[in-house]
């Protein structure tokens, strides 16, 4: 299908090839092309991941100090058919593309995509594209980017606390009086200047340990000598 108005421009682009400029120009254009491709793939993966997990409100989750509880579970009660969704997106959607065609075909063959790993090899073009964008920028900027916001089961303790801080949820935070009391107890020990004793790996510890060892020495709980 011809691009409207293209008949007045001419050139070889409509025929599927293009001389982009002096030496390196074609490689530069292809590099950015691949950077856009990786971004599209990541966007599809993230969006479909959100749809796949939209039924998380129906599931039971462990709730403890190490697990962030799901907020508003009643809003996550959907069981979406990703195979059909990707197929309907191919039919005139603004996000239609050959990559979406491949995604829809893959979901037909394997709805759970078990044959695919959760990673891809890094050939460099994505990083080079980002570096070029940074080099061409006229102003410096600081940006905080989440490649993926994991669910409660995927996040480590630091990620959960950081996410809660951004959401304004203080459930997992220590109270101020608790922190002050902990420092009241710990700080004198830190200020006392207790020496640190080095020892070789795979040993029972420094020789200074003998001062507090029980009569006969420490016993190996697993029976190894």
Protein backbone atom coordinates (compact mmCIF):
# COMPACT_ATOMS: atom_id res chain seq x y z
CA UNK A 1 0.00 0.00 0.00
CA UNK A 2 1.50 3.30 -1.06
CA UNK A 3 1.93 6.12 1.42
CA UNK A 4 -0.35 9.03 0.36
CA UNK A 5 1.67 11.77 -1.30
CA UNK A 6 4.70 9.55 -1.74
CA UNK A 7 4.31 9.53 -5.52
CA UNK A 8 5.56 13.13 -5.58
CA UNK A 9 8.73 12.35 -3.64
CA UNK A 10 10.38 9.50 -5.50
CA UNK A 11 13.47 7.70 -4.28
CA UNK A 12 14.15 4.04 -3.44
CA UNK A 13 12.52 3.79 0.00
CA UNK A 14 9.28 2.41 -1.46
CA UNK A 15 11.29 -0.38 -3.04
CA UNK A 16 12.65 -1.51 0.33
CA UNK A 17 16.17 -0.11 0.30
CA UNK A 18 17.75 3.26 1.02
CA UNK A 19 21.13 4.99 0.93
CA UNK A 20 21.04 6.79 4.27
CA UNK A 21 24.19 8.91 4.00
CA UNK A 22 27.98 8.68 4.30
CA UNK A 23 29.88 5.77 5.80
CA UNK A 24 28.14 4.45 8.92
CA UNK A 25 24.82 6.14 8.16
CA UNK A 26 23.02 2.92 7.28
CA UNK A 27 24.37 1.18 10.37
CA UNK A 28 23.24 4.09 12.56
CA UNK A 29 19.70 3.96 11.14
CA UNK A 30 19.59 0.17 11.61
CA UNK A 31 20.83 0.56 15.19
CA UNK A 32 17.97 2.91 16.05
CA UNK A 33 15.56 0.61 14.19
CA UNK A 34 16.60 -2.25 16.47
CA UNK A 35 16.33 -0.04 19.54
CA UNK A 36 12.73 0.75 18.59
CA UNK A 37 12.11 -2.96 17.96
CA UNK A 38 13.33 -3.89 21.45
CA UNK A 39 11.16 -1.18 22.96
CA UNK A 40 8.10 -2.51 21.11
CA UNK A 41 8.80 -6.06 22.26
CA UNK A 42 9.22 -4.90 25.85
CA UNK A 43 5.97 -2.90 25.66
CA UNK A 44 4.04 -5.91 24.33
CA UNK A 45 5.53 -8.15 27.01
CA UNK A 46 4.74 -5.72 29.82
CA UNK A 47 1.20 -5.05 28.62
CA UNK A 48 0.37 -8.71 28.11
CA UNK A 49 1.89 -9.49 31.50
CA UNK A 50 -0.52 -7.02 33.11
CA UNK A 51 -3.45 -8.66 31.32
CA UNK A 52 -2.27 -12.16 32.26
CA UNK A 53 -2.10 -11.28 35.96
CA UNK A 54 -5.37 -9.32 36.02
CA UNK A 55 -6.96 -12.18 37.98
CA UNK A 56 -4.57 -11.84 40.91
CA UNK A 57 -7.41 -10.61 43.12
CA UNK A 58 -8.95 -14.10 43.00
CA UNK A 59 -5.85 -15.70 44.48
CA UNK A 60 -4.93 -16.14 48.12
CA UNK A 61 -1.67 -14.50 49.15
CA UNK A 62 0.49 -14.86 52.21
CA UNK A 63 0.43 -11.70 54.31
CA UNK A 64 3.36 -11.06 56.62
CA UNK A 65 6.10 -8.53 57.27
CA UNK A 66 7.95 -9.65 54.14
CA UNK A 67 4.98 -9.64 51.75
CA UNK A 68 3.18 -6.55 50.55
CA UNK A 69 -0.60 -7.16 50.60
CA UNK A 70 -2.53 -6.68 47.36
CA UNK A 71 -4.43 -3.42 47.38
CA UNK A 72 -8.01 -3.38 46.06
CA UNK A 73 -8.18 -7.09 45.08
CA UNK A 74 -11.77 -6.62 43.90
CA UNK A 75 -10.39 -4.66 40.94
CA UNK A 76 -8.32 -7.62 39.72
CA UNK A 77 -10.91 -10.30 38.94
CA UNK A 78 -10.38 -10.73 35.21
CA UNK A 79 -9.47 -13.92 33.31
CA UNK A 80 -8.35 -12.61 29.93
CA UNK A 81 -7.71 -14.72 26.84
CA UNK A 82 -4.38 -13.35 25.58
CA UNK A 83 -4.56 -15.40 22.39
CA UNK A 84 -7.81 -13.69 21.34
CA UNK A 85 -6.74 -10.26 22.56
CA UNK A 86 -3.56 -10.25 20.47
CA UNK A 87 -5.57 -11.46 17.48
CA UNK A 88 -8.13 -8.65 17.73
CA UNK A 89 -5.33 -6.12 18.18
CA UNK A 90 -3.98 -7.20 14.79
CA UNK A 91 -7.24 -6.06 13.16
CA UNK A 92 -6.79 -2.33 12.73
CA UNK A 93 -5.40 -1.48 16.18
CA UNK A 94 -2.91 1.35 16.53
CA UNK A 95 -0.47 -1.12 18.11
CA UNK A 96 -0.65 -3.55 15.17
CA UNK A 97 2.72 -4.62 13.77
CA UNK A 98 4.60 -7.60 12.41
CA UNK A 99 5.91 -8.18 15.93
CA UNK A 100 2.32 -8.40 17.16
CA UNK A 101 1.58 -10.84 14.33
CA UNK A 102 4.41 -13.06 15.58
CA UNK A 103 3.16 -12.75 19.15
CA UNK A 104 -0.37 -13.77 18.19
CA UNK A 105 0.95 -16.76 16.24
CA UNK A 106 3.11 -17.85 19.17
CA UNK A 107 0.14 -17.69 21.55
CA UNK A 108 -1.89 -19.90 19.22
CA UNK A 109 0.81 -22.57 19.32
CA UNK A 110 1.61 -22.20 23.02
CA UNK A 111 -0.87 -20.10 25.09
CA UNK A 112 1.46 -20.16 28.12
CA UNK A 113 4.61 -19.46 26.06
CA UNK A 114 6.44 -22.14 28.03
CA UNK A 115 8.97 -22.62 25.25
CA UNK A 116 10.26 -19.07 25.72
CA UNK A 117 12.66 -17.94 28.44
CA UNK A 118 12.20 -14.65 30.30
CA UNK A 119 15.29 -13.09 28.76
CA UNK A 120 16.95 -12.34 25.42
CA UNK A 121 20.59 -11.97 24.45
CA UNK A 122 22.07 -8.48 24.33
CA UNK A 123 23.58 -7.75 20.91
CA UNK A 124 24.38 -4.13 21.78
CA UNK A 125 22.03 -2.09 19.57
CA UNK A 126 19.67 -1.22 22.43
CA UNK A 127 22.48 0.10 24.62
CA UNK A 128 24.02 1.99 21.70
CA UNK A 129 20.69 3.59 20.89
CA UNK A 130 20.32 4.78 24.48
CA UNK A 131 23.90 6.10 24.43
CA UNK A 132 23.22 8.00 21.20
CA UNK A 133 20.05 9.50 22.67
CA UNK A 134 21.98 10.62 25.73
CA UNK A 135 24.80 12.10 23.63
CA UNK A 136 22.39 14.03 21.42
CA UNK A 137 20.42 15.49 24.32
CA UNK A 138 20.94 19.21 24.84
CA UNK A 139 20.02 19.14 28.52
CA UNK A 140 20.98 16.74 31.26
CA UNK A 141 18.13 14.99 32.96
CA UNK A 142 17.70 12.49 35.76
CA UNK A 143 15.00 9.91 35.17
CA UNK A 144 13.82 7.03 37.33
CA UNK A 145 12.69 4.20 35.09
CA UNK A 146 10.94 0.96 36.11
CA UNK A 147 11.59 -1.73 33.49
CA UNK A 148 8.98 -3.81 35.26
CA UNK A 149 7.11 -3.39 38.50
CA UNK A 150 7.07 -6.92 39.93
CA UNK A 151 4.31 -8.43 41.99
CA UNK A 152 4.55 -9.04 45.75
CA UNK A 153 6.05 -12.49 45.22
CA UNK A 154 8.78 -11.16 42.90
CA UNK A 155 9.99 -8.16 44.92
CA UNK A 156 12.78 -8.34 47.45
CA UNK A 157 12.52 -6.47 50.75
CA UNK A 158 14.14 -3.28 49.44
CA UNK A 159 11.90 -3.16 46.34
CA UNK A 160 8.77 -3.63 48.46
CA UNK A 161 9.72 -0.81 50.83
CA UNK A 162 10.63 1.48 47.91
CA UNK A 163 7.33 0.73 46.18
CA UNK A 164 5.39 1.38 49.39
CA UNK A 165 7.24 4.67 49.88
CA UNK A 166 6.17 5.77 46.39
CA UNK A 167 2.59 4.68 47.12
CA UNK A 168 2.51 6.34 50.56
CA UNK A 169 1.95 3.05 52.39
CA UNK A 170 3.77 2.97 55.76
CA UNK A 171 2.67 -0.56 56.72
CA UNK A 172 6.17 -2.06 56.49
CA UNK A 173 8.06 0.95 57.86
CA UNK A 174 9.56 1.04 61.36
CA UNK A 175 8.11 3.67 63.70
CA UNK A 176 10.34 6.54 64.74
CA UNK A 177 10.34 5.54 68.41
CA UNK A 178 11.37 1.99 67.44
CA UNK A 179 14.32 3.30 65.41
CA UNK A 180 15.44 5.61 68.22
CA UNK A 181 15.24 2.81 70.79
CA UNK A 182 17.25 0.49 68.55
CA UNK A 183 19.98 3.10 68.18
CA UNK A 184 19.96 3.70 71.97
CA UNK A 185 20.86 0.04 72.45
CA UNK A 186 23.22 -0.43 69.52
CA UNK A 187 25.10 2.86 69.48
CA UNK A 188 27.05 2.31 72.76
CA UNK A 189 28.33 -1.01 71.41
CA UNK A 190 29.46 0.67 68.21
CA UNK A 191 31.14 3.49 70.12
CA UNK A 192 32.94 1.10 72.48
CA UNK A 193 35.50 0.29 69.84
CA UNK A 194 35.21 -3.49 70.10
CA UNK A 195 38.07 -4.96 68.02
CA UNK A 196 37.40 -7.11 64.97
CA UNK A 197 39.33 -10.37 64.65
CA UNK A 198 40.15 -11.89 61.30
CA UNK A 199 40.15 -15.64 60.63
CA UNK A 200 40.58 -18.01 57.73
CA UNK A 201 37.54 -19.24 55.77
CA UNK A 202 36.26 -22.73 56.60
CA UNK A 203 37.59 -22.50 60.17
CA UNK A 204 35.84 -22.27 63.54
CA UNK A 205 36.78 -18.60 63.85
CA UNK A 206 39.62 -16.51 65.31
CA UNK A 207 41.80 -17.84 68.11
CA UNK A 208 40.41 -15.11 70.37
CA UNK A 209 37.18 -17.13 70.36
CA UNK A 210 38.80 -19.55 72.81
CA UNK A 211 38.26 -16.98 75.57
CA UNK A 212 34.53 -17.57 75.49
CA UNK A 213 34.50 -21.19 74.33
CA UNK A 214 32.85 -23.77 76.62
CA UNK A 215 35.06 -26.42 78.28
CA UNK A 216 36.29 -28.82 75.62
CA UNK A 217 35.68 -26.34 72.83
CA UNK A 218 32.78 -25.90 70.48
CA UNK A 219 30.95 -28.97 69.24
CA UNK A 220 30.23 -29.44 65.55
CA UNK A 221 26.43 -29.73 65.27
CA UNK A 222 26.59 -31.71 62.02
CA UNK A 223 29.33 -34.08 63.07
CA UNK A 224 32.10 -32.73 60.85
CA UNK A 225 35.56 -32.25 62.30
